[in-house]
Amino acid sequence: MAEATSGEAPIEHTPTNSTDEWTEYPGRTLGVVALVLAFFSQIPALIMGIIAWVWSNKVGRSNVPAKVAVAVSATLLVLIVLAIVGWTALIVSLSGELGGFGMNGFDMDDF
């Protein structure tokens, strides 16, 4: 049997609380909801993610789902806007080449 004889204090093992990481804090649930919603509806998810992020920062906690929700929804929102602008430019460009949408012979000077 080995005993601590050199004057060292025995090491105390305190049980760790594994639920400490999963305790509820303000904005946690809202951050998860915003993350799920970020893939379907970007503007509400962006707003909810920012709110959850602010609430968590006020209590000093890091809310990773809220940060990811803000990043994903903002990125998808920018991509959607770019796609709409691109499609609009394509349709305007094609309509100019095709002579309008069946408006042959129609002139705005007639009015």
C-alpha atoms as a PDB file:
ATOM      1  CA  MET A   1       0.000   0.000   0.000  1.00  0.00           C
ATOM      2  CA  ALA A   2       1.353   3.306  -1.048  1.00  0.00           C
ATOM      3  CA  GLU A   3       0.637   6.149   1.317  1.00  0.00           C
ATOM      4  CA  ALA A   4       1.521   9.804   0.880  1.00  0.00           C
ATOM      5  CA  THR A   5       4.334  10.168   3.425  1.00  0.00           C
ATOM      6  CA  SER A   6       6.183  13.137   2.010  1.00  0.00           C
ATOM      7  CA  GLY A   7       3.812  15.681   3.483  1.00  0.00           C
ATOM      8  CA  GLU A   8       1.736  16.051   0.324  1.00  0.00           C
ATOM      9  CA  ALA A   9      -1.950  16.442   0.776  1.00  0.00           C
ATOM     10  CA  PRO A  10      -4.035  13.696  -0.772  1.00  0.00           C
ATOM     11  CA  ILE A  11      -5.750  14.658  -3.983  1.00  0.00           C
ATOM     12  CA  GLU A  12      -9.461  15.131  -3.547  1.00  0.00           C
ATOM     13  CA  HIS A  13     -11.642  14.052  -6.406  1.00  0.00           C
ATOM     14  CA  THR A  14     -14.703  16.196  -6.667  1.00  0.00           C
ATOM     15  CA  PRO A  15     -17.464  14.893  -8.875  1.00  0.00           C
ATOM     16  CA  THR A  16     -18.045  17.032 -11.919  1.00  0.00           C
ATOM     17  CA  ASN A  17     -21.529  18.033 -12.838  1.00  0.00           C
ATOM     18  CA  SER A  18     -21.987  16.954 -16.458  1.00  0.00           C
ATOM     19  CA  THR A  19     -25.245  18.894 -16.720  1.00  0.00           C
ATOM     20  CA  ASP A  20     -23.415  22.177 -16.116  1.00  0.00           C
ATOM     21  CA  GLU A  21     -22.832  22.601 -19.853  1.00  0.00           C
ATOM     22  CA  TRP A  22     -26.476  21.968 -20.629  1.00  0.00           C
ATOM     23  CA  THR A  23     -28.016  24.403 -18.188  1.00  0.00           C
ATOM     24  CA  GLU A  24     -30.602  26.726 -19.623  1.00  0.00           C
ATOM     25  CA  TYR A  25     -29.600  30.345 -20.154  1.00  0.00           C
ATOM     26  CA  PRO A  26     -31.400  33.222 -21.869  1.00  0.00           C
ATOM     27  CA  GLY A  27     -31.370  32.913 -25.632  1.00  0.00           C
ATOM     28  CA  ARG A  28     -30.319  29.274 -25.854  1.00  0.00           C
ATOM     29  CA  THR A  29     -33.618  27.876 -27.099  1.00  0.00           C
ATOM     30  CA  LEU A  30     -34.185  30.890 -29.334  1.00  0.00           C
ATOM     31  CA  GLY A  31     -30.739  30.336 -30.858  1.00  0.00           C
ATOM     32  CA  VAL A  32     -31.535  26.720 -31.704  1.00  0.00           C
ATOM     33  CA  VAL A  33     -34.902  27.711 -33.201  1.00  0.00           C
ATOM     34  CA  ALA A  34     -33.181  30.435 -35.242  1.00  0.00           C
ATOM     35  CA  LEU A  35     -30.619  27.920 -36.502  1.00  0.00           C
ATOM     36  CA  VAL A  36     -33.317  25.544 -37.722  1.00  0.00           C
ATOM     37  CA  LEU A  37     -35.334  28.390 -39.233  1.00  0.00           C
ATOM     38  CA  ALA A  38     -32.244  29.796 -41.010  1.00  0.00           C
ATOM     39  CA  PHE A  39     -32.556  27.159 -43.718  1.00  0.00           C
ATOM     40  CA  PHE A  40     -36.203  27.928 -44.468  1.00  0.00           C
ATOM     41  CA  SER A  41     -36.879  31.602 -43.739  1.00  0.00           C
ATOM     42  CA  GLN A  42     -33.806  33.794 -43.548  1.00  0.00           C
ATOM     43  CA  ILE A  43     -35.102  37.189 -42.384  1.00  0.00           C
ATOM     44  CA  PRO A  44     -36.949  35.957 -39.251  1.00  0.00           C
ATOM     45  CA  ALA A  45     -34.052  33.616 -38.473  1.00  0.00           C
ATOM     46  CA  LEU A  46     -31.587  36.490 -38.738  1.00  0.00           C
ATOM     47  CA  ILE A  47     -33.663  38.618 -36.364  1.00  0.00           C
ATOM     48  CA  MET A  48     -34.158  35.762 -33.884  1.00  0.00           C
ATOM     49  CA  GLY A  49     -30.475  34.834 -34.002  1.00  0.00           C
ATOM     50  CA  ILE A  50     -29.404  38.392 -33.239  1.00  0.00           C
ATOM     51  CA  ILE A  51     -31.880  38.598 -30.352  1.00  0.00           C
ATOM     52  CA  ALA A  52     -30.659  35.279 -28.911  1.00  0.00           C
ATOM     53  CA  TRP A  53     -27.032  36.376 -29.285  1.00  0.00           C
ATOM     54  CA  VAL A  54     -27.687  39.653 -27.423  1.00  0.00           C
ATOM     55  CA  TRP A  55     -29.624  37.918 -24.637  1.00  0.00           C
ATOM     56  CA  SER A  56     -26.819  35.397 -24.126  1.00  0.00           C
ATOM     57  CA  ASN A  57     -24.141  38.084 -24.117  1.00  0.00           C
ATOM     58  CA  LYS A  58     -26.021  39.983 -21.404  1.00  0.00           C
ATOM     59  CA  VAL A  59     -25.602  37.034 -19.028  1.00  0.00           C
ATOM     60  CA  GLY A  60     -22.046  36.338 -20.160  1.00  0.00           C
ATOM     61  CA  ARG A  61     -22.658  33.083 -22.055  1.00  0.00           C
ATOM     62  CA  SER A  62     -21.519  32.156 -25.536  1.00  0.00           C
ATOM     63  CA  ASN A  63     -24.430  31.088 -27.731  1.00  0.00           C
ATOM     64  CA  VAL A  64     -22.923  29.168 -30.638  1.00  0.00           C
ATOM     65  CA  PRO A  65     -26.248  28.169 -32.264  1.00  0.00           C
ATOM     66  CA  ALA A  66     -27.285  31.837 -32.382  1.00  0.00           C
ATOM     67  CA  LYS A  67     -23.970  32.852 -33.965  1.00  0.00           C
ATOM     68  CA  VAL A  68     -24.245  30.083 -36.556  1.00  0.00           C
ATOM     69  CA  ALA A  69     -27.880  31.023 -37.248  1.00  0.00           C
ATOM     70  CA  VAL A  70     -26.870  34.630 -37.903  1.00  0.00           C
ATOM     71  CA  ALA A  71     -24.045  33.541 -40.215  1.00  0.00           C
ATOM     72  CA  VAL A  72     -26.131  30.989 -42.148  1.00  0.00           C
ATOM     73  CA  SER A  73     -29.200  33.190 -42.544  1.00  0.00           C
ATOM     74  CA  ALA A  74     -27.144  36.239 -43.582  1.00  0.00           C
ATOM     75  CA  THR A  75     -25.173  34.183 -46.116  1.00  0.00           C
ATOM     76  CA  LEU A  76     -28.278  32.600 -47.604  1.00  0.00           C
ATOM     77  CA  LEU A  77     -30.022  35.971 -47.705  1.00  0.00           C
ATOM     78  CA  VAL A  78     -27.127  37.489 -49.676  1.00  0.00           C
ATOM     79  CA  LEU A  79     -27.094  34.508 -52.060  1.00  0.00           C
ATOM     80  CA  ILE A  80     -30.853  34.804 -52.640  1.00  0.00           C
ATOM     81  CA  VAL A  81     -30.562  38.527 -53.375  1.00  0.00           C
ATOM     82  CA  LEU A  82     -27.706  37.863 -55.815  1.00  0.00           C
ATOM     83  CA  ALA A  83     -29.746  35.142 -57.523  1.00  0.00           C
ATOM     84  CA  ILE A  84     -32.754  37.460 -57.900  1.00  0.00           C
ATOM     85  CA  VAL A  85     -30.568  40.221 -59.338  1.00  0.00           C
ATOM     86  CA  GLY A  86     -28.922  37.750 -61.716  1.00  0.00           C
ATOM     87  CA  TRP A  87     -32.218  36.314 -62.933  1.00  0.00           C
ATOM     88  CA  THR A  88     -33.650  39.796 -63.397  1.00  0.00           C
ATOM     89  CA  ALA A  89     -30.626  40.854 -65.447  1.00  0.00           C
ATOM     90  CA  LEU A  90     -30.883  37.682 -67.532  1.00  0.00           C
ATOM     91  CA  ILE A  91     -34.578  38.175 -68.271  1.00  0.00           C
ATOM     92  CA  VAL A  92     -34.117  41.854 -69.142  1.00  0.00           C
ATOM     93  CA  SER A  93     -31.204  40.956 -71.403  1.00  0.00           C
ATOM     94  CA  LEU A  94     -33.142  38.207 -73.176  1.00  0.00           C
ATOM     95  CA  SER A  95     -36.260  40.332 -73.561  1.00  0.00           C
ATOM     96  CA  GLY A  96     -34.212  43.023 -75.300  1.00  0.00           C
ATOM     97  CA  GLU A  97     -32.851  40.485 -77.772  1.00  0.00           C
ATOM     98  CA  LEU A  98     -36.226  38.885 -78.427  1.00  0.00           C
ATOM     99  CA  GLY A  99     -37.966  42.193 -79.090  1.00  0.00           C
ATOM    100  CA  GLY A 100     -40.022  42.365 -75.921  1.00  0.00           C
ATOM    101  CA  PHE A 101     -42.697  40.013 -74.716  1.00  0.00           C
ATOM    102  CA  GLY A 102     -44.931  39.856 -77.768  1.00  0.00           C
ATOM    103  CA  MET A 103     -45.206  43.621 -78.093  1.00  0.00           C
ATOM    104  CA  ASN A 104     -44.190  43.848 -81.710  1.00  0.00           C
ATOM    105  CA  GLY A 105     -45.618  46.945 -83.301  1.00  0.00           C
ATOM    106  CA  PHE A 106     -46.411  48.562 -79.944  1.00  0.00           C
ATOM    107  CA  ASP A 107     -44.772  51.903 -79.488  1.00  0.00           C
ATOM    108  CA  MET A 108     -44.979  54.188 -76.462  1.00  0.00           C
ATOM    109  CA  ASP A 109     -45.070  57.189 -78.824  1.00  0.00           C
ATOM    110  CA  ASP A 110     -48.577  56.221 -79.893  1.00  0.00           C
ATOM    111  CA  PHE A 111     -50.005  57.634 -76.664  1.00  0.00           C
END
